[in-house]
Amino acid sequence: DTAHSTTSMDNVSVIIPAYNAEHTIQETVESVLAQTFTDFELIIINDGSTDATLEIIDQFSDPRLQVFTFDNSGPQKSRNRGINKASGEYISFIDADDLWTADKLELQLEILRNNPDASVVYSWSDVVNEESVLLRQGGHLIRRGDVFLDLLLVNFVESGSNLLAETTALKNIGGFDESIVAGQDRDILLSLANKY
């Protein structure tokens, strides 16, 4: 793998798996770098992109940004590679075509710090098009505590781009199941909810 920069220990590690994301990666990275909570490292796992993804990422000079390039092997392996590179106490994932509101990390960290028994927190999601125009509002369902049975019935989290989890929790469940190519977000959520 090739590292483009390094950073010191940070409170949150944000992981973006990216494959041929030239049309969306800039706005995704900008939405992470615009967070009101700033003590994070941003780890981009370039999954063998053959388009201009790397060139676009290289235009960012933020010292919190790290890029690691591997041969194409799928998002589940890319996410696990990001977990292995992470130095933060918490990890959050965002896909290369998703966006965060500026207060996403700040509000989620506040919830985790105020609820020491919790290891994972999620946020609501909405669906936008390529121009960031709202197409539909997500379910905006609230679940607290032991949510495993609720999550079996309804995927109220809706997106793998909105959870924030303790790094130890993600590592204790073994990260993403690399044999699952589709539905890996739901699988990791169920694994986390089963144990935490």
Protein backbone atom coordinates (compact mmCIF):
# COMPACT_ATOMS: atom_id res chain seq x y z
CA ASP A 1 0.00 0.00 0.00
CA THR A 2 0.99 3.61 -0.52
CA ALA A 3 0.51 6.23 2.21
CA HIS A 4 0.31 9.86 1.14
CA SER A 5 0.50 11.41 4.64
CA THR A 6 0.39 10.56 8.32
CA THR A 7 -1.25 11.99 11.41
CA SER A 8 -1.01 11.51 15.16
CA MET A 9 -3.47 9.94 17.55
CA ASP A 10 -6.92 11.41 17.08
CA ASN A 11 -10.18 10.96 18.94
CA VAL A 12 -12.16 9.83 15.86
CA SER A 13 -11.07 7.97 12.76
CA VAL A 14 -13.28 8.60 9.74
CA ILE A 15 -12.98 5.97 7.01
CA ILE A 16 -13.98 6.43 3.37
CA PRO A 17 -13.73 3.42 1.04
CA ALA A 18 -13.42 4.85 -2.47
CA TYR A 19 -13.58 3.13 -5.85
CA ASN A 20 -13.93 5.23 -9.01
CA ALA A 21 -15.60 8.03 -7.06
CA GLU A 22 -14.39 11.01 -9.12
CA HIS A 23 -17.89 12.50 -9.41
CA THR A 24 -18.63 12.55 -5.66
CA ILE A 25 -15.43 12.22 -3.59
CA GLN A 26 -14.64 15.94 -3.42
CA GLU A 27 -17.99 16.88 -1.88
CA THR A 28 -17.83 13.89 0.50
CA VAL A 29 -14.37 14.87 1.75
CA GLU A 30 -15.44 18.50 2.09
CA SER A 31 -18.42 17.46 4.23
CA VAL A 32 -16.07 15.57 6.59
CA LEU A 33 -13.49 18.36 6.76
CA ALA A 34 -16.30 20.86 7.55
CA GLN A 35 -17.23 19.08 10.80
CA THR A 36 -17.66 21.28 13.86
CA PHE A 37 -15.79 18.59 15.82
CA THR A 38 -12.24 18.75 14.45
CA ASP A 39 -10.18 16.18 16.40
CA PHE A 40 -10.31 13.44 13.77
CA GLU A 41 -8.21 11.71 11.17
CA LEU A 42 -9.69 11.06 7.75
CA ILE A 43 -8.58 7.78 6.23
CA ILE A 44 -9.40 7.20 2.56
CA ILE A 45 -8.91 3.68 1.28
CA ASN A 46 -8.48 3.97 -2.48
CA ASP A 47 -9.73 0.59 -3.69
CA GLY A 48 -7.84 0.46 -7.00
CA SER A 49 -9.63 3.39 -8.65
CA THR A 50 -8.94 3.76 -12.37
CA ASP A 51 -10.51 7.22 -12.75
CA ALA A 52 -9.47 10.62 -11.33
CA THR A 53 -10.37 9.78 -7.70
CA LEU A 54 -6.75 10.00 -6.49
CA GLU A 55 -6.06 13.21 -8.37
CA ILE A 56 -9.08 14.86 -6.75
CA ILE A 57 -8.09 13.64 -3.26
CA ASP A 58 -4.52 14.88 -3.77
CA GLN A 59 -5.84 18.46 -4.12
CA PHE A 60 -6.66 18.46 -0.39
CA SER A 61 -3.81 19.59 1.87
CA ASP A 62 -5.45 18.99 5.25
CA PRO A 63 -2.96 17.27 7.60
CA ARG A 64 -5.74 15.07 9.03
CA LEU A 65 -6.14 13.35 5.66
CA GLN A 66 -4.43 10.04 4.90
CA VAL A 67 -4.77 8.04 1.68
CA PHE A 68 -3.89 4.37 1.29
CA THR A 69 -4.05 2.69 -2.11
CA PHE A 70 -4.68 -1.02 -2.64
CA ASP A 71 -5.66 -3.26 -5.53
CA ASN A 72 -9.43 -3.42 -6.01
CA SER A 73 -10.94 -5.87 -3.54
CA GLY A 74 -14.35 -4.49 -2.51
CA PRO A 75 -15.81 -2.12 0.07
CA GLN A 76 -15.92 -4.63 2.93
CA LYS A 77 -12.16 -5.26 2.69
CA SER A 78 -11.53 -1.53 2.26
CA ARG A 79 -13.46 -0.77 5.44
CA ASN A 80 -11.46 -3.40 7.33
CA ARG A 81 -8.25 -1.91 6.00
CA GLY A 82 -9.42 1.43 7.33
CA ILE A 83 -10.13 -0.09 10.74
CA ASN A 84 -6.60 -1.51 10.78
CA LYS A 85 -5.13 1.93 9.98
CA ALA A 86 -7.32 3.80 12.49
CA SER A 87 -5.78 5.35 15.59
CA GLY A 88 -8.92 6.96 17.02
CA GLU A 89 -10.92 5.92 20.05
CA TYR A 90 -14.01 5.95 17.81
CA ILE A 91 -14.58 5.07 14.15
CA SER A 92 -17.15 6.40 11.71
CA PHE A 93 -17.61 5.35 8.10
CA ILE A 94 -18.85 7.38 5.17
CA ASP A 95 -19.24 6.17 1.61
CA ALA A 96 -17.58 8.17 -1.15
CA ASP A 97 -20.97 9.35 -2.45
CA ASP A 98 -22.50 10.40 0.87
CA LEU A 99 -22.53 13.68 2.83
CA TRP A 100 -22.66 14.59 6.51
CA THR A 101 -24.23 17.60 8.18
CA ALA A 102 -21.52 19.72 9.80
CA ASP A 103 -22.51 18.78 13.36
CA LYS A 104 -22.73 15.00 12.82
CA LEU A 105 -19.62 13.96 14.75
CA GLU A 106 -20.04 16.58 17.47
CA LEU A 107 -23.60 15.51 18.32
CA GLN A 108 -22.83 11.79 18.17
CA LEU A 109 -19.79 12.12 20.44
CA GLU A 110 -21.87 14.11 22.91
CA ILE A 111 -24.41 11.27 23.04
CA LEU A 112 -21.72 8.62 23.60
CA ARG A 113 -20.01 10.67 26.31
CA ASN A 114 -23.33 11.24 28.09
CA ASN A 115 -24.24 7.53 27.86
CA PRO A 116 -21.15 5.60 29.00
CA ASP A 117 -22.93 2.24 28.65
CA ALA A 118 -23.38 2.84 24.92
CA SER A 119 -20.73 1.81 22.39
CA VAL A 120 -22.51 2.71 19.15
CA VAL A 121 -24.65 5.66 18.08
CA TYR A 122 -26.41 6.34 14.79
CA SER A 123 -28.04 9.33 13.16
CA TRP A 124 -30.89 9.90 10.74
CA SER A 125 -30.47 9.79 6.98
CA ASP A 126 -32.10 11.50 4.02
CA VAL A 127 -31.72 10.70 0.32
CA VAL A 128 -30.38 13.37 -2.01
CA ASN A 129 -29.49 13.30 -5.70
CA GLU A 130 -26.19 14.24 -7.37
CA GLU A 131 -27.05 17.94 -6.97
CA SER A 132 -27.72 17.45 -3.21
CA VAL A 133 -31.44 18.05 -3.75
CA LEU A 134 -33.60 16.19 -1.22
CA LEU A 135 -35.36 13.23 -2.88
CA ARG A 136 -36.92 11.73 0.24
CA GLN A 137 -36.63 11.93 3.97
CA GLY A 138 -35.43 8.83 5.80
CA GLY A 139 -37.45 7.07 8.48
CA HIS A 140 -35.99 9.18 11.30
CA LEU A 141 -36.72 6.41 13.82
CA ILE A 142 -35.38 6.61 17.35
CA ARG A 143 -34.15 3.47 19.13
CA ARG A 144 -32.13 3.35 22.35
CA GLY A 145 -30.50 0.74 24.55
CA ASP A 146 -30.53 -2.91 23.47
CA VAL A 147 -31.75 -2.52 19.89
CA PHE A 148 -30.82 -5.93 18.45
CA LEU A 149 -34.40 -7.23 18.07
CA ASP A 150 -35.61 -3.89 16.69
CA LEU A 151 -32.78 -3.92 14.16
CA LEU A 152 -33.64 -7.46 13.08
CA LEU A 153 -37.15 -6.29 12.19
CA VAL A 154 -36.37 -2.89 10.66
CA ASN A 155 -33.07 -1.41 9.50
CA PHE A 156 -33.80 1.88 11.26
CA VAL A 157 -30.15 2.95 10.86
CA GLU A 158 -30.73 2.98 7.08
CA SER A 159 -27.13 3.76 6.09
CA GLY A 160 -23.65 2.59 6.99
CA SER A 161 -22.49 6.18 6.59
CA ASN A 162 -24.01 7.39 9.82
CA LEU A 163 -22.80 5.21 12.70
CA LEU A 164 -20.12 6.12 15.21
CA ALA A 165 -18.69 3.20 17.18
CA GLU A 166 -15.98 2.56 19.71
CA THR A 167 -12.93 1.19 17.89
CA THR A 168 -12.63 -1.61 20.44
CA ALA A 169 -16.22 -2.70 19.70
CA LEU A 170 -15.54 -2.90 15.95
CA LYS A 171 -12.33 -4.83 16.52
CA ASN A 172 -13.93 -7.17 19.07
CA ILE A 173 -16.57 -8.31 16.56
CA GLY A 174 -13.88 -8.86 13.92
CA GLY A 175 -14.76 -5.93 11.68
CA PHE A 176 -16.68 -6.50 8.47
CA ASP A 177 -17.34 -10.03 7.25
CA GLU A 178 -15.27 -10.02 4.07
CA SER A 179 -17.35 -12.81 2.50
CA ILE A 180 -20.36 -10.46 2.34
CA VAL A 181 -20.22 -8.21 -0.72
CA ALA A 182 -23.73 -6.73 -0.48
CA GLY A 183 -25.49 -5.97 2.80
CA GLN A 184 -22.26 -5.60 4.77
CA ASP A 185 -23.55 -2.45 6.51
CA ARG A 186 -26.57 -4.29 7.93
CA ASP A 187 -24.41 -7.23 8.97
CA ILE A 188 -21.95 -5.06 10.91
CA LEU A 189 -24.83 -3.21 12.60
CA LEU A 190 -26.43 -6.48 13.69
CA SER A 191 -23.07 -7.78 14.93
CA LEU A 192 -22.54 -4.61 16.96
CA ALA A 193 -26.11 -4.59 18.30
CA ASN A 194 -25.85 -8.24 19.30
CA LYS A 195 -22.88 -7.58 21.56
CA TYR A 196 -23.11 -3.88 22.52
